[in-house]
């Protein structure tokens, strides 16, 4: 017999109420974080991301929620981003005060604020337009949790971080140079990182059995594939452009 929804309230609403405050409380409790599992996820997001989302299904079966209840991924990803930004400041910065400003600005604009905006947009779009219609009123209504949408963004962000912050850092002397090769390589790095980001975004929502038309999340890849040759032929170098925003006195 199918479970039914009790009148006047939704099970998903009741279940999700205490999750976010508990999630925030665990951020400051390292002993409650599964660091080893987090690094396992980060590795497989770069090599075999479908395995990670297969484990998401197991998490739903055992914890009755799609979102992580462990903030370790967000904490470690934030720390890695701060370290990487510090390395750029050491190489291209001109003062300690400016370095602090860049670190805070990059963390807020590249990860936290962008993540909140992207997660909110995806959360709204999936719940409003991509959910399958329930066959009858007695089936439990399923919705995408906002925290899960933020998890999907964080999962997608990490491989992009590896390409555009770590690999990019070691290639930056070549990427910021003048010439066609630098323009070509810089744009190709952005294309690979952006395409993989949206592919992981697609996997994150495609795993949810109550969503349909999730190929919508693959459409931006086509946009980047069209835009990249145009930027290359126009001589636009995204590496020089971004680094000039933060370190204009050094480039």
Protein backbone atom coordinates (compact mmCIF):
# COMPACT_ATOMS: atom_id res chain seq x y z
CA UNK A 1 0.00 0.00 0.00
CA UNK A 2 1.36 3.42 -0.91
CA UNK A 3 2.05 5.91 1.93
CA UNK A 4 -0.33 8.82 2.16
CA UNK A 5 0.12 12.45 3.07
CA UNK A 6 -1.57 13.53 6.28
CA UNK A 7 -3.92 16.46 5.89
CA UNK A 8 -2.55 19.93 6.46
CA UNK A 9 1.15 19.24 6.22
CA UNK A 10 3.73 17.74 3.90
CA UNK A 11 6.12 15.00 5.09
CA UNK A 12 9.03 16.65 3.30
CA UNK A 13 8.40 19.87 5.20
CA UNK A 14 8.20 18.12 8.54
CA UNK A 15 11.35 16.10 7.87
CA UNK A 16 13.46 19.05 6.68
CA UNK A 17 12.73 21.53 9.48
CA UNK A 18 15.57 20.57 11.88
CA UNK A 19 18.13 19.67 9.22
CA UNK A 20 19.65 23.06 8.40
CA UNK A 21 20.23 24.28 12.02
CA UNK A 22 21.82 20.93 12.86
CA UNK A 23 23.97 21.20 9.72
CA UNK A 24 25.23 24.64 10.78
CA UNK A 25 26.00 23.45 14.31
CA UNK A 26 28.16 20.63 12.99
CA UNK A 27 30.39 23.04 11.03
CA UNK A 28 32.34 23.89 14.18
CA UNK A 29 32.56 20.27 15.38
CA UNK A 30 35.42 18.62 13.52
CA UNK A 31 35.07 15.39 15.48
CA UNK A 32 31.64 14.83 13.94
CA UNK A 33 32.84 15.25 10.35
CA UNK A 34 33.76 12.32 8.14
CA UNK A 35 36.93 13.73 6.60
CA UNK A 36 38.04 10.48 4.97
CA UNK A 37 34.72 10.01 3.17
CA UNK A 38 34.81 13.64 2.03
CA UNK A 39 38.19 13.20 0.35
CA UNK A 40 36.91 9.96 -1.21
CA UNK A 41 34.01 11.94 -2.69
CA UNK A 42 36.32 14.68 -3.98
CA UNK A 43 38.55 12.13 -5.70
CA UNK A 44 35.66 10.31 -7.35
CA UNK A 45 33.96 13.53 -8.44
CA UNK A 46 37.02 14.07 -10.62
CA UNK A 47 37.31 10.48 -11.86
CA UNK A 48 33.94 8.67 -11.63
CA UNK A 49 31.20 11.05 -10.44
CA UNK A 50 28.37 8.58 -11.05
CA UNK A 51 29.72 6.52 -8.15
CA UNK A 52 29.29 9.51 -5.82
CA UNK A 53 25.66 9.95 -6.81
CA UNK A 54 25.05 6.23 -6.44
CA UNK A 55 26.05 6.72 -2.80
CA UNK A 56 23.57 9.61 -2.67
CA UNK A 57 20.82 7.05 -3.29
CA UNK A 58 22.10 4.98 -0.37
CA UNK A 59 22.11 8.10 1.79
CA UNK A 60 18.45 8.71 0.94
CA UNK A 61 17.57 5.15 1.91
CA UNK A 62 19.37 5.32 5.28
CA UNK A 63 18.88 8.97 6.33
CA UNK A 64 15.61 9.73 4.49
CA UNK A 65 17.03 12.87 2.92
CA UNK A 66 18.96 13.57 -0.27
CA UNK A 67 21.17 16.30 1.18
CA UNK A 68 24.29 15.65 3.20
CA UNK A 69 23.96 16.00 6.94
CA UNK A 70 27.74 16.36 7.21
CA UNK A 71 29.21 19.82 6.39
CA UNK A 72 32.73 18.40 5.94
CA UNK A 73 32.63 18.78 2.14
CA UNK A 74 31.77 22.49 2.35
CA UNK A 75 34.35 23.13 5.08
CA UNK A 76 37.21 21.36 3.27
CA UNK A 77 36.30 22.89 -0.08
CA UNK A 78 36.29 26.34 1.55
CA UNK A 79 39.70 25.75 3.15
CA UNK A 80 41.19 24.55 -0.13
CA UNK A 81 39.84 27.61 -1.91
CA UNK A 82 41.33 29.90 0.74
CA UNK A 83 44.72 28.17 0.40
CA UNK A 84 44.65 28.41 -3.39
CA UNK A 85 43.69 32.09 -3.30
CA UNK A 86 46.51 32.72 -0.82
CA UNK A 87 48.93 31.15 -3.30
CA UNK A 88 47.74 33.55 -6.03
CA UNK A 89 48.17 36.46 -3.62
CA UNK A 90 51.71 35.33 -2.83
CA UNK A 91 52.54 35.20 -6.53
CA UNK A 92 50.70 38.28 -7.80
CA UNK A 93 49.69 40.37 -4.78
CA UNK A 94 51.42 43.51 -3.59
CA UNK A 95 50.45 43.85 0.09
CA UNK A 96 49.07 41.86 3.02
CA UNK A 97 45.98 44.05 3.23
CA UNK A 98 45.24 43.56 -0.45
CA UNK A 99 45.73 39.80 -0.03
CA UNK A 100 43.13 39.68 2.76
CA UNK A 101 40.70 41.61 0.57
CA UNK A 102 41.25 39.26 -2.39
CA UNK A 103 40.86 36.12 -0.26
CA UNK A 104 37.56 37.32 1.20
CA UNK A 105 36.28 38.62 -2.15
CA UNK A 106 37.11 35.39 -4.00
CA UNK A 107 35.59 33.18 -1.32
CA UNK A 108 32.36 35.15 -1.18
CA UNK A 109 31.92 35.84 -4.89
CA UNK A 110 33.32 32.64 -6.40
CA UNK A 111 31.98 30.10 -3.92
CA UNK A 112 29.58 31.16 -1.18
CA UNK A 113 27.35 33.81 -2.79
CA UNK A 114 27.48 32.19 -6.22
CA UNK A 115 26.66 28.83 -4.63
CA UNK A 116 23.68 30.24 -2.77
CA UNK A 117 22.34 31.94 -5.91
CA UNK A 118 22.89 28.90 -8.17
CA UNK A 119 21.43 26.50 -5.59
CA UNK A 120 18.38 28.72 -5.09
CA UNK A 121 17.77 29.01 -8.85
CA UNK A 122 18.15 25.25 -9.39
CA UNK A 123 16.01 24.49 -6.34
CA UNK A 124 13.24 26.72 -7.69
CA UNK A 125 13.45 25.48 -11.29
CA UNK A 126 13.44 21.79 -10.37
CA UNK A 127 10.54 22.08 -7.94
CA UNK A 128 8.50 24.39 -10.13
CA UNK A 129 9.06 22.91 -13.60
CA UNK A 130 10.93 19.59 -13.59
CA UNK A 131 9.04 17.46 -11.08
CA UNK A 132 6.96 14.60 -12.42
CA UNK A 133 3.25 14.91 -11.90
CA UNK A 134 2.04 12.60 -9.14
CA UNK A 135 -0.27 9.90 -10.56
CA UNK A 136 -2.77 10.48 -7.74
CA UNK A 137 -3.22 12.61 -4.65
CA UNK A 138 -2.34 9.75 -2.27
CA UNK A 139 1.33 9.56 -3.29
CA UNK A 140 3.83 11.31 -1.01
CA UNK A 141 4.97 14.54 -2.67
CA UNK A 142 8.74 14.70 -3.18
CA UNK A 143 10.61 17.96 -3.58
CA UNK A 144 14.24 18.93 -4.09
CA UNK A 145 15.74 20.07 -0.79
CA UNK A 146 17.53 23.43 -0.94
CA UNK A 147 20.46 21.93 0.93
CA UNK A 148 20.70 19.19 -1.69
CA UNK A 149 20.79 21.82 -4.45
CA UNK A 150 23.68 23.46 -2.60
CA UNK A 151 25.38 20.05 -2.30
CA UNK A 152 25.10 19.59 -6.06
CA UNK A 153 26.72 22.97 -6.63
CA UNK A 154 29.57 22.13 -4.22
CA UNK A 155 30.10 18.77 -5.93
CA UNK A 156 30.23 20.47 -9.32
CA UNK A 157 32.47 23.24 -8.03
CA UNK A 158 35.27 21.02 -6.76
CA UNK A 159 36.55 19.63 -10.12
CA UNK A 160 36.21 23.13 -11.56
CA UNK A 161 38.30 24.35 -8.62
CA UNK A 162 41.00 21.78 -9.45
CA UNK A 163 41.16 22.98 -13.06
CA UNK A 164 40.70 26.74 -12.70
CA UNK A 165 42.51 27.31 -9.40
CA UNK A 166 45.11 24.55 -8.97
CA UNK A 167 46.13 23.53 -12.50
CA UNK A 168 45.59 27.11 -13.65
CA UNK A 169 47.97 28.37 -10.94
CA UNK A 170 50.86 26.25 -12.15
CA UNK A 171 50.16 27.17 -15.77
CA UNK A 172 49.56 30.86 -15.04
CA UNK A 173 53.00 32.07 -16.28
CA UNK A 174 52.03 30.66 -19.69
CA UNK A 175 48.36 31.64 -19.50
CA UNK A 176 48.95 35.33 -18.76
CA UNK A 177 51.53 35.74 -21.49
CA UNK A 178 50.68 37.53 -24.70
CA UNK A 179 50.06 35.46 -27.80
CA UNK A 180 47.61 33.11 -29.46
CA UNK A 181 48.72 29.99 -27.59
CA UNK A 182 47.97 31.60 -24.22
CA UNK A 183 44.55 32.70 -25.43
CA UNK A 184 43.81 29.22 -26.80
CA UNK A 185 44.96 27.34 -23.68
CA UNK A 186 43.18 29.69 -21.29
CA UNK A 187 39.87 29.42 -23.11
CA UNK A 188 40.13 25.63 -23.39
CA UNK A 189 40.70 25.34 -19.63
CA UNK A 190 37.60 27.41 -18.97
CA UNK A 191 35.61 25.34 -21.48
CA UNK A 192 36.63 22.04 -19.86
CA UNK A 193 35.96 23.30 -16.33
CA UNK A 194 32.60 24.88 -17.17
CA UNK A 195 31.42 21.88 -19.19
CA UNK A 196 32.33 19.45 -16.44
CA UNK A 197 30.62 21.67 -13.88
CA UNK A 198 27.34 21.54 -15.79
CA UNK A 199 27.72 17.81 -16.47
CA UNK A 200 28.01 17.16 -12.73
CA UNK A 201 25.05 19.48 -12.16
CA UNK A 202 23.07 17.29 -14.54
CA UNK A 203 24.13 14.09 -12.74
CA UNK A 204 23.11 15.57 -9.41
CA UNK A 205 19.53 16.17 -10.51
CA UNK A 206 19.25 13.21 -12.87
CA UNK A 207 19.69 10.84 -9.92
CA UNK A 208 16.46 12.10 -8.35
CA UNK A 209 13.70 9.72 -9.50
CA UNK A 210 10.92 12.30 -9.23
CA UNK A 211 12.48 14.75 -11.71
CA UNK A 212 12.11 14.71 -15.49
CA UNK A 213 13.72 16.63 -18.38
CA UNK A 214 16.96 16.96 -16.38
CA UNK A 215 18.89 17.24 -19.66
CA UNK A 216 18.02 20.92 -19.27
CA UNK A 217 21.15 21.19 -17.11
CA UNK A 218 23.33 20.13 -20.06
CA UNK A 219 22.24 23.00 -22.28
CA UNK A 220 24.84 25.49 -20.97
CA UNK A 221 27.58 23.19 -22.30
CA UNK A 222 26.39 23.93 -25.83
CA UNK A 223 26.51 27.64 -25.07
CA UNK A 224 30.13 27.41 -23.92
CA UNK A 225 31.10 25.34 -26.97
CA UNK A 226 29.72 28.06 -29.23
CA UNK A 227 31.17 30.93 -27.20
CA UNK A 228 34.71 29.54 -26.83
CA UNK A 229 35.75 29.72 -30.53
CA UNK A 230 34.38 33.26 -30.69
CA UNK A 231 36.46 34.31 -27.68
CA UNK A 232 39.56 32.61 -29.09
CA UNK A 233 39.23 34.30 -32.47
CA UNK A 234 38.64 37.66 -30.79
CA UNK A 235 41.85 37.28 -28.75
CA UNK A 236 40.12 37.34 -25.36
CA UNK A 237 42.23 35.80 -22.59
CA UNK A 238 40.06 34.91 -19.54
CA UNK A 239 43.11 34.28 -17.36
CA UNK A 240 44.52 37.75 -17.90
CA UNK A 241 41.06 39.26 -17.51
CA UNK A 242 40.33 37.64 -14.13
CA UNK A 243 43.81 38.15 -12.71
CA UNK A 244 43.75 41.78 -13.82
CA UNK A 245 40.57 42.30 -11.80
CA UNK A 246 42.31 41.29 -8.57
CA UNK A 247 45.98 42.02 -9.34
CA UNK A 248 45.91 44.82 -11.91
CA UNK A 249 49.12 46.35 -10.62
CA UNK A 250 51.11 43.19 -11.35
CA UNK A 251 49.87 42.22 -14.83
